[in-house]
Amino acid sequence: MITERQEKILHSLIKEYIDSAEPISSDLLKKRGSLDVSPATIRNELQELTELGYIVQPHTSAGRIPTEKGYKFFIEITFSEDAGQFPDFISLKIEAAKQKIEKELKLAQELTKSLAEISSTLSYTKIQSKDNIFEMLKIIGPSRTTYDKNIDVINKLLKEFENF
């Protein structure tokens, strides 16, 4: 079984890891975890939590990350007081992710629609005479506008994926 201090440290570590997806150092836990102990004490507790299998250290100079056992313990602690409700920070993360996914789906639908328009334009427009520049402009004109629109949609999608 773990101590109350180890429980607080583990809880803080997992919350920070969920936010950053980076190994968490004892200094960061001291700064953000509102713990009333020194970073050295936190390191000692982290070592014990590592030995108990709640966290791991990816490499020697890295911070720590939670294991499956650590996540399970975190969920038990979090939901033991108020079963059936997610903590606010988890609910906010879920809602933000849901909104990003909806936005990306909308952009993907716009791109699909634009690509369908290009496809139909190219399949229905045929150049009757190889010297008729106006026939070529029928293809190039709408396609350039659609092309620019598609590039904008693709750039938005890429930006959303980078920010996700």
N, C-alpha and C. Protein backbone atom coordinates (compact mmCIF):
# COMPACT_ATOMS: atom_id res chain seq x y z
N MET A 1 0.84 -1.18 0.00
CA MET A 1 0.00 0.00 0.00
C MET A 1 0.88 1.24 0.00
N ILE A 2 0.38 2.33 -0.55
CA ILE A 2 1.19 3.54 -0.62
C ILE A 2 0.73 4.54 0.44
N THR A 3 1.64 5.45 0.80
CA THR A 3 1.34 6.45 1.82
C THR A 3 0.48 7.58 1.23
N GLU A 4 -0.04 8.41 2.12
CA GLU A 4 -0.85 9.53 1.67
C GLU A 4 -0.02 10.50 0.82
N ARG A 5 1.23 10.73 1.21
CA ARG A 5 2.10 11.62 0.45
C ARG A 5 2.38 11.03 -0.93
N GLN A 6 2.64 9.73 -1.00
CA GLN A 6 2.86 9.08 -2.29
C GLN A 6 1.61 9.17 -3.16
N GLU A 7 0.45 9.05 -2.54
CA GLU A 7 -0.81 9.17 -3.26
C GLU A 7 -0.94 10.56 -3.88
N LYS A 8 -0.61 11.60 -3.11
CA LYS A 8 -0.67 12.98 -3.62
C LYS A 8 0.32 13.18 -4.76
N ILE A 9 1.53 12.65 -4.58
CA ILE A 9 2.55 12.78 -5.62
C ILE A 9 2.11 12.06 -6.89
N LEU A 10 1.59 10.85 -6.75
CA LEU A 10 1.12 10.08 -7.90
C LEU A 10 -0.02 10.81 -8.60
N HIS A 11 -0.95 11.33 -7.84
CA HIS A 11 -2.09 12.07 -8.39
C HIS A 11 -1.59 13.29 -9.18
N SER A 12 -0.67 14.06 -8.60
CA SER A 12 -0.12 15.23 -9.28
C SER A 12 0.64 14.84 -10.53
N LEU A 13 1.43 13.78 -10.44
CA LEU A 13 2.21 13.32 -11.58
C LEU A 13 1.30 12.93 -12.74
N ILE A 14 0.24 12.20 -12.45
CA ILE A 14 -0.66 11.75 -13.52
C ILE A 14 -1.40 12.94 -14.14
N LYS A 15 -1.85 13.88 -13.33
CA LYS A 15 -2.52 15.06 -13.88
C LYS A 15 -1.58 15.84 -14.79
N GLU A 16 -0.35 16.03 -14.37
CA GLU A 16 0.64 16.74 -15.19
C GLU A 16 0.95 15.97 -16.46
N TYR A 17 1.06 14.65 -16.35
CA TYR A 17 1.37 13.84 -17.51
C TYR A 17 0.22 13.86 -18.52
N ILE A 18 -1.00 13.86 -18.05
CA ILE A 18 -2.16 13.96 -18.94
C ILE A 18 -2.13 15.27 -19.70
N ASP A 19 -1.72 16.35 -19.03
CA ASP A 19 -1.67 17.66 -19.68
C ASP A 19 -0.51 17.79 -20.67
N SER A 20 0.64 17.20 -20.36
CA SER A 20 1.82 17.46 -21.17
C SER A 20 2.28 16.29 -22.03
N ALA A 21 1.94 15.06 -21.66
CA ALA A 21 2.40 13.85 -22.35
C ALA A 21 3.93 13.79 -22.40
N GLU A 22 4.58 14.34 -21.38
CA GLU A 22 6.03 14.34 -21.23
C GLU A 22 6.36 13.76 -19.86
N PRO A 23 7.51 13.09 -19.74
CA PRO A 23 7.91 12.62 -18.41
C PRO A 23 7.96 13.78 -17.41
N ILE A 24 7.51 13.54 -16.19
CA ILE A 24 7.36 14.59 -15.17
C ILE A 24 8.51 14.51 -14.18
N SER A 25 9.16 15.65 -13.95
CA SER A 25 10.30 15.70 -13.02
C SER A 25 9.83 16.04 -11.61
N SER A 26 10.72 15.77 -10.65
CA SER A 26 10.41 16.11 -9.25
C SER A 26 10.31 17.62 -9.08
N ASP A 27 11.13 18.38 -9.80
CA ASP A 27 11.06 19.85 -9.71
C ASP A 27 9.71 20.37 -10.20
N LEU A 28 9.22 19.81 -11.30
CA LEU A 28 7.91 20.23 -11.82
C LEU A 28 6.81 19.88 -10.82
N LEU A 29 6.90 18.71 -10.22
CA LEU A 29 5.89 18.33 -9.21
C LEU A 29 5.94 19.28 -8.02
N LYS A 30 7.13 19.70 -7.64
CA LYS A 30 7.28 20.64 -6.52
C LYS A 30 6.62 21.97 -6.88
N LYS A 31 6.86 22.44 -8.10
CA LYS A 31 6.32 23.74 -8.53
C LYS A 31 4.80 23.72 -8.68
N ARG A 32 4.30 22.70 -9.34
CA ARG A 32 2.88 22.69 -9.70
C ARG A 32 2.01 21.82 -8.80
N GLY A 33 2.61 20.93 -8.05
CA GLY A 33 1.84 19.98 -7.28
C GLY A 33 1.45 20.45 -5.90
N SER A 34 1.85 21.66 -5.54
CA SER A 34 1.57 22.23 -4.20
C SER A 34 1.90 21.22 -3.09
N LEU A 35 3.11 20.67 -3.19
CA LEU A 35 3.58 19.70 -2.20
C LEU A 35 4.52 20.43 -1.24
N ASP A 36 4.39 20.15 0.04
CA ASP A 36 5.18 20.82 1.07
C ASP A 36 6.42 20.01 1.45
N VAL A 37 7.10 19.47 0.45
CA VAL A 37 8.33 18.70 0.69
C VAL A 37 9.36 19.12 -0.36
N SER A 38 10.60 18.77 -0.12
CA SER A 38 11.67 19.15 -1.03
C SER A 38 11.67 18.26 -2.28
N PRO A 39 12.29 18.74 -3.36
CA PRO A 39 12.39 17.90 -4.56
C PRO A 39 13.11 16.58 -4.28
N ALA A 40 14.07 16.59 -3.35
CA ALA A 40 14.77 15.34 -3.01
C ALA A 40 13.82 14.33 -2.37
N THR A 41 12.95 14.81 -1.50
CA THR A 41 11.94 13.93 -0.89
C THR A 41 11.00 13.40 -1.96
N ILE A 42 10.62 14.27 -2.87
CA ILE A 42 9.74 13.84 -3.97
C ILE A 42 10.45 12.76 -4.80
N ARG A 43 11.75 12.95 -5.08
CA ARG A 43 12.50 11.94 -5.84
C ARG A 43 12.52 10.59 -5.10
N ASN A 44 12.70 10.65 -3.78
CA ASN A 44 12.69 9.40 -3.00
C ASN A 44 11.34 8.71 -3.09
N GLU A 45 10.27 9.49 -2.98
CA GLU A 45 8.92 8.92 -3.09
C GLU A 45 8.68 8.38 -4.50
N LEU A 46 9.17 9.10 -5.51
CA LEU A 46 9.03 8.62 -6.89
C LEU A 46 9.76 7.29 -7.07
N GLN A 47 10.92 7.16 -6.43
CA GLN A 47 11.67 5.90 -6.51
C GLN A 47 10.86 4.75 -5.90
N GLU A 48 10.22 5.02 -4.77
CA GLU A 48 9.38 3.98 -4.14
C GLU A 48 8.18 3.63 -5.03
N LEU A 49 7.55 4.67 -5.61
CA LEU A 49 6.42 4.42 -6.51
C LEU A 49 6.86 3.63 -7.74
N THR A 50 8.09 3.87 -8.19
CA THR A 50 8.65 3.11 -9.32
C THR A 50 8.83 1.65 -8.92
N GLU A 51 9.39 1.43 -7.75
CA GLU A 51 9.60 0.05 -7.27
C GLU A 51 8.28 -0.69 -7.07
N LEU A 52 7.22 0.07 -6.70
CA LEU A 52 5.91 -0.55 -6.51
C LEU A 52 5.16 -0.75 -7.83
N GLY A 53 5.70 -0.19 -8.93
CA GLY A 53 5.11 -0.41 -10.25
C GLY A 53 4.06 0.60 -10.66
N TYR A 54 3.93 1.72 -9.94
CA TYR A 54 2.93 2.73 -10.29
C TYR A 54 3.42 3.69 -11.37
N ILE A 55 4.75 3.87 -11.47
CA ILE A 55 5.33 4.75 -12.46
C ILE A 55 6.60 4.10 -12.99
N VAL A 56 7.09 4.63 -14.12
CA VAL A 56 8.36 4.19 -14.68
C VAL A 56 9.17 5.40 -15.10
N GLN A 57 10.47 5.19 -15.23
CA GLN A 57 11.37 6.22 -15.71
C GLN A 57 11.90 5.75 -17.06
N PRO A 58 11.49 6.43 -18.17
CA PRO A 58 11.86 5.96 -19.51
C PRO A 58 13.37 5.80 -19.71
N HIS A 59 14.14 6.72 -19.17
CA HIS A 59 15.60 6.58 -19.17
C HIS A 59 16.17 7.35 -17.99
N THR A 60 17.43 7.17 -17.73
CA THR A 60 18.05 7.63 -16.50
C THR A 60 17.81 9.10 -16.18
N SER A 61 17.95 9.97 -17.15
CA SER A 61 17.82 11.40 -16.86
C SER A 61 16.41 11.94 -17.06
N ALA A 62 15.47 11.08 -17.36
CA ALA A 62 14.09 11.53 -17.62
C ALA A 62 13.29 11.61 -16.34
N GLY A 63 12.16 12.29 -16.43
CA GLY A 63 11.19 12.28 -15.35
C GLY A 63 10.47 10.94 -15.34
N ARG A 64 9.34 10.90 -14.68
CA ARG A 64 8.58 9.65 -14.57
C ARG A 64 7.27 9.75 -15.35
N ILE A 65 6.76 8.58 -15.75
CA ILE A 65 5.46 8.49 -16.40
C ILE A 65 4.66 7.39 -15.72
N PRO A 66 3.33 7.52 -15.71
CA PRO A 66 2.50 6.50 -15.04
C PRO A 66 2.45 5.19 -15.83
N THR A 67 2.27 4.11 -15.09
CA THR A 67 2.05 2.80 -15.70
C THR A 67 0.54 2.52 -15.68
N GLU A 68 0.16 1.39 -16.22
CA GLU A 68 -1.25 0.99 -16.19
C GLU A 68 -1.73 0.86 -14.73
N LYS A 69 -0.87 0.32 -13.89
CA LYS A 69 -1.20 0.19 -12.47
C LYS A 69 -1.41 1.56 -11.84
N GLY A 70 -0.57 2.52 -12.22
CA GLY A 70 -0.71 3.88 -11.71
C GLY A 70 -2.01 4.52 -12.15
N TYR A 71 -2.36 4.35 -13.43
CA TYR A 71 -3.63 4.89 -13.93
C TYR A 71 -4.83 4.27 -13.20
N LYS A 72 -4.77 2.97 -13.00
CA LYS A 72 -5.88 2.30 -12.30
C LYS A 72 -6.04 2.85 -10.89
N PHE A 73 -4.92 3.03 -10.20
CA PHE A 73 -4.98 3.59 -8.85
C PHE A 73 -5.53 5.01 -8.88
N PHE A 74 -5.10 5.80 -9.87
CA PHE A 74 -5.58 7.18 -10.03
C PHE A 74 -7.09 7.20 -10.22
N ILE A 75 -7.59 6.30 -11.03
CA ILE A 75 -9.04 6.25 -11.28
C ILE A 75 -9.77 5.82 -10.02
N GLU A 76 -9.23 4.86 -9.31
CA GLU A 76 -9.86 4.44 -8.05
C GLU A 76 -9.93 5.59 -7.05
N ILE A 77 -8.85 6.34 -6.92
CA ILE A 77 -8.81 7.49 -6.01
C ILE A 77 -9.80 8.55 -6.47
N THR A 78 -9.75 8.87 -7.74
CA THR A 78 -10.57 9.95 -8.29
C THR A 78 -12.05 9.64 -8.18
N PHE A 79 -12.44 8.41 -8.44
CA PHE A 79 -13.85 8.08 -8.47
C PHE A 79 -14.38 7.49 -7.17
N SER A 80 -13.51 7.28 -6.19
CA SER A 80 -13.98 6.69 -4.94
C SER A 80 -14.89 7.66 -4.17
N GLU A 81 -14.60 8.96 -4.26
CA GLU A 81 -15.40 9.95 -3.54
C GLU A 81 -16.72 10.26 -4.23
N ASP A 82 -16.67 10.38 -5.55
CA ASP A 82 -17.85 10.81 -6.29
C ASP A 82 -18.03 9.94 -7.53
N ALA A 83 -18.45 8.72 -7.31
CA ALA A 83 -18.59 7.77 -8.41
C ALA A 83 -19.56 8.29 -9.46
N GLY A 84 -19.20 8.07 -10.72
CA GLY A 84 -20.10 8.44 -11.81
C GLY A 84 -19.80 9.80 -12.41
N GLN A 85 -18.88 10.58 -11.84
CA GLN A 85 -18.56 11.88 -12.40
C GLN A 85 -17.09 11.97 -12.68
N PHE A 86 -16.76 12.55 -13.83
CA PHE A 86 -15.36 12.80 -14.14
C PHE A 86 -14.93 14.08 -13.45
N PRO A 87 -13.66 14.16 -13.06
CA PRO A 87 -13.16 15.43 -12.53
C PRO A 87 -13.22 16.50 -13.62
N ASP A 88 -13.28 17.75 -13.23
CA ASP A 88 -13.43 18.85 -14.18
C ASP A 88 -12.35 18.86 -15.25
N PHE A 89 -11.09 18.64 -14.84
CA PHE A 89 -10.01 18.73 -15.83
C PHE A 89 -10.14 17.65 -16.90
N ILE A 90 -10.66 16.48 -16.54
CA ILE A 90 -10.85 15.41 -17.54
C ILE A 90 -12.03 15.76 -18.44
N SER A 91 -13.11 16.26 -17.85
CA SER A 91 -14.28 16.65 -18.65
C SER A 91 -13.92 17.74 -19.65
N LEU A 92 -13.10 18.71 -19.23
CA LEU A 92 -12.68 19.79 -20.13
C LEU A 92 -11.83 19.25 -21.27
N LYS A 93 -10.93 18.31 -20.98
CA LYS A 93 -10.09 17.71 -22.02
C LYS A 93 -10.94 16.93 -23.01
N ILE A 94 -11.92 16.19 -22.51
CA ILE A 94 -12.81 15.41 -23.39
C ILE A 94 -13.60 16.34 -24.30
N GLU A 95 -14.15 17.41 -23.74
CA GLU A 95 -14.93 18.36 -24.53
C GLU A 95 -14.07 19.05 -25.58
N ALA A 96 -12.85 19.45 -25.21
CA ALA A 96 -11.95 20.10 -26.17
C ALA A 96 -11.60 19.14 -27.31
N ALA A 97 -11.33 17.89 -26.99
CA ALA A 97 -11.00 16.90 -28.02
C ALA A 97 -12.20 16.67 -28.94
N LYS A 98 -13.39 16.61 -28.34
CA LYS A 98 -14.60 16.41 -29.14
C LYS A 98 -14.81 17.57 -30.12
N GLN A 99 -14.59 18.80 -29.67
CA GLN A 99 -14.75 19.97 -30.54
C GLN A 99 -13.72 19.97 -31.68
N LYS A 100 -12.47 19.59 -31.36
CA LYS A 100 -11.45 19.53 -32.41
C LYS A 100 -11.80 18.48 -33.45
N ILE A 101 -12.28 17.34 -33.00
CA ILE A 101 -12.65 16.27 -33.93
C ILE A 101 -13.79 16.72 -34.83
N GLU A 102 -14.80 17.38 -34.25
CA GLU A 102 -15.93 17.87 -35.05
C GLU A 102 -15.47 18.88 -36.09
N LYS A 103 -14.56 19.78 -35.70
CA LYS A 103 -14.03 20.78 -36.62
C LYS A 103 -13.25 20.12 -37.75
N GLU A 104 -12.43 19.13 -37.41
CA GLU A 104 -11.64 18.43 -38.42
C GLU A 104 -12.54 17.64 -39.37
N LEU A 105 -13.62 17.05 -38.85
CA LEU A 105 -14.56 16.34 -39.71
C LEU A 105 -15.24 17.29 -40.68
N LYS A 106 -15.58 18.49 -40.20
CA LYS A 106 -16.21 19.49 -41.07
C LYS A 106 -15.25 19.90 -42.18
N LEU A 107 -13.97 20.13 -41.83
CA LEU A 107 -12.97 20.47 -42.85
C LEU A 107 -12.79 19.33 -43.85
N ALA A 108 -12.79 18.11 -43.36
CA ALA A 108 -12.65 16.96 -44.25
C ALA A 108 -13.85 16.86 -45.20
N GLN A 109 -15.05 17.16 -44.70
CA GLN A 109 -16.24 17.14 -45.55
C GLN A 109 -16.15 18.22 -46.64
N GLU A 110 -15.65 19.41 -46.27
CA GLU A 110 -15.48 20.48 -47.25
C GLU A 110 -14.48 20.06 -48.33
N LEU A 111 -13.40 19.43 -47.91
CA LEU A 111 -12.40 18.97 -48.86
C LEU A 111 -12.98 17.92 -49.80
N THR A 112 -13.73 16.99 -49.25
CA THR A 112 -14.35 15.94 -50.07
C THR A 112 -15.31 16.56 -51.09
N LYS A 113 -16.09 17.54 -50.66
CA LYS A 113 -17.03 18.22 -51.55
C LYS A 113 -16.28 18.93 -52.67
N SER A 114 -15.20 19.63 -52.32
CA SER A 114 -14.40 20.34 -53.32
C SER A 114 -13.77 19.39 -54.32
N LEU A 115 -13.26 18.27 -53.82
CA LEU A 115 -12.66 17.29 -54.72
C LEU A 115 -13.70 16.68 -55.66
N ALA A 116 -14.90 16.49 -55.15
CA ALA A 116 -15.98 15.98 -56.00
C ALA A 116 -16.33 17.00 -57.09
N GLU A 117 -16.33 18.28 -56.73
CA GLU A 117 -16.62 19.33 -57.71
C GLU A 117 -15.56 19.35 -58.81
N ILE A 118 -14.30 19.23 -58.42
CA ILE A 118 -13.21 19.20 -59.41
C ILE A 118 -13.38 18.01 -60.33
N SER A 119 -13.67 16.87 -59.74
CA SER A 119 -13.82 15.65 -60.52
C SER A 119 -14.94 15.79 -61.54
N SER A 120 -16.08 16.32 -61.11
CA SER A 120 -17.20 16.46 -62.05
C SER A 120 -16.89 17.51 -63.11
N THR A 121 -16.18 18.59 -62.74
CA THR A 121 -15.81 19.62 -63.72
C THR A 121 -14.91 19.04 -64.78
N LEU A 122 -13.92 18.26 -64.36
CA LEU A 122 -12.97 17.70 -65.32
C LEU A 122 -13.61 16.61 -66.18
N SER A 123 -14.54 15.86 -65.64
CA SER A 123 -15.13 14.77 -66.42
C SER A 123 -16.17 15.27 -67.41
N TYR A 124 -16.82 16.41 -67.14
CA TYR A 124 -17.85 16.91 -68.05
C TYR A 124 -17.32 17.92 -69.06
N THR A 125 -16.17 18.49 -68.80
CA THR A 125 -15.63 19.49 -69.71
C THR A 125 -14.62 18.83 -70.64
N LYS A 126 -14.89 18.90 -71.91
CA LYS A 126 -13.97 18.34 -72.90
C LYS A 126 -13.56 19.45 -73.86
N ILE A 127 -12.34 19.44 -74.21
CA ILE A 127 -11.86 20.43 -75.18
C ILE A 127 -12.19 19.91 -76.57
N GLN A 128 -13.01 20.70 -77.30
CA GLN A 128 -13.44 20.30 -78.63
C GLN A 128 -12.33 20.52 -79.66
N SER A 129 -11.65 21.63 -79.51
CA SER A 129 -10.62 21.98 -80.48
C SER A 129 -9.36 22.31 -79.70
N LYS A 130 -8.23 21.78 -80.14
CA LYS A 130 -7.01 22.00 -79.39
C LYS A 130 -6.55 23.45 -79.45
N ASP A 131 -7.06 24.25 -80.35
CA ASP A 131 -6.66 25.65 -80.47
C ASP A 131 -7.59 26.60 -79.73
N ASN A 132 -8.67 26.08 -79.17
CA ASN A 132 -9.66 26.95 -78.55
C ASN A 132 -9.29 27.24 -77.10
N ILE A 133 -8.72 28.39 -76.84
CA ILE A 133 -8.25 28.76 -75.50
C ILE A 133 -9.42 28.92 -74.53
N PHE A 134 -10.57 29.31 -75.02
CA PHE A 134 -11.72 29.50 -74.15
C PHE A 134 -12.18 28.18 -73.53
N GLU A 135 -12.10 27.12 -74.27
CA GLU A 135 -12.44 25.80 -73.73
C GLU A 135 -11.49 25.42 -72.61
N MET A 136 -10.20 25.77 -72.76
CA MET A 136 -9.23 25.47 -71.72
C MET A 136 -9.50 26.31 -70.46
N LEU A 137 -9.92 27.55 -70.66
CA LEU A 137 -10.21 28.41 -69.51
C LEU A 137 -11.41 27.90 -68.71
N LYS A 138 -12.32 27.20 -69.36
CA LYS A 138 -13.44 26.61 -68.63
C LYS A 138 -12.94 25.61 -67.59
N ILE A 139 -11.89 24.90 -67.94
CA ILE A 139 -11.33 23.92 -67.00
C ILE A 139 -10.45 24.63 -65.98
N ILE A 140 -9.53 25.46 -66.46
CA ILE A 140 -8.55 26.08 -65.57
C ILE A 140 -9.19 27.09 -64.63
N GLY A 141 -10.11 27.89 -65.13
CA GLY A 141 -10.73 28.94 -64.31
C GLY A 141 -11.37 28.41 -63.04
N PRO A 142 -12.42 27.57 -63.15
CA PRO A 142 -13.05 27.06 -61.94
C PRO A 142 -12.09 26.20 -61.12
N SER A 143 -11.19 25.50 -61.79
CA SER A 143 -10.28 24.62 -61.07
C SER A 143 -9.32 25.41 -60.20
N ARG A 144 -8.87 26.57 -60.66
CA ARG A 144 -7.94 27.37 -59.87
C ARG A 144 -8.61 27.85 -58.59
N THR A 145 -9.85 28.31 -58.71
CA THR A 145 -10.58 28.75 -57.51
C THR A 145 -10.79 27.57 -56.57
N THR A 146 -11.19 26.45 -57.12
CA THR A 146 -11.38 25.25 -56.31
C THR A 146 -10.06 24.78 -55.72
N TYR A 147 -9.00 24.88 -56.52
CA TYR A 147 -7.67 24.48 -56.04
C TYR A 147 -7.27 25.33 -54.83
N ASP A 148 -7.44 26.65 -54.94
CA ASP A 148 -7.10 27.54 -53.82
C ASP A 148 -7.93 27.21 -52.59
N LYS A 149 -9.21 26.93 -52.81
CA LYS A 149 -10.09 26.58 -51.70
C LYS A 149 -9.62 25.28 -51.05
N ASN A 150 -9.24 24.30 -51.87
CA ASN A 150 -8.75 23.02 -51.35
C ASN A 150 -7.45 23.19 -50.57
N ILE A 151 -6.56 24.02 -51.08
CA ILE A 151 -5.30 24.28 -50.37
C ILE A 151 -5.59 24.89 -49.01
N ASP A 152 -6.54 25.84 -48.95
CA ASP A 152 -6.91 26.44 -47.66
C ASP A 152 -7.47 25.39 -46.71
N VAL A 153 -8.33 24.53 -47.21
CA VAL A 153 -8.91 23.48 -46.36
C VAL A 153 -7.83 22.51 -45.88
N ILE A 154 -6.93 22.13 -46.78
CA ILE A 154 -5.84 21.22 -46.40
C ILE A 154 -4.95 21.87 -45.35
N ASN A 155 -4.63 23.15 -45.54
CA ASN A 155 -3.80 23.86 -44.55
C ASN A 155 -4.49 23.92 -43.19
N LYS A 156 -5.80 24.17 -43.19
CA LYS A 156 -6.54 24.20 -41.93
C LYS A 156 -6.50 22.83 -41.25
N LEU A 157 -6.71 21.76 -42.05
CA LEU A 157 -6.65 20.41 -41.48
C LEU A 157 -5.29 20.11 -40.89
N LEU A 158 -4.24 20.45 -41.62
CA LEU A 158 -2.89 20.19 -41.11
C LEU A 158 -2.62 20.96 -39.83
N LYS A 159 -3.08 22.20 -39.79
CA LYS A 159 -2.89 23.01 -38.58
C LYS A 159 -3.64 22.40 -37.41
N GLU A 160 -4.86 21.94 -37.65
CA GLU A 160 -5.63 21.30 -36.58
C GLU A 160 -4.95 20.04 -36.08
N PHE A 161 -4.41 19.23 -37.01
CA PHE A 161 -3.73 18.01 -36.60
C PHE A 161 -2.46 18.31 -35.82
N GLU A 162 -1.75 19.39 -36.20
CA GLU A 162 -0.55 19.78 -35.46
C GLU A 162 -0.92 20.22 -34.04
N ASN A 163 -2.02 20.91 -33.90
CA ASN A 163 -2.45 21.41 -32.59
C ASN A 163 -3.11 20.34 -31.75
N PHE A 164 -3.51 19.23 -32.36
CA PHE A 164 -4.19 18.16 -31.63
C PHE A 164 -3.18 17.37 -30.90
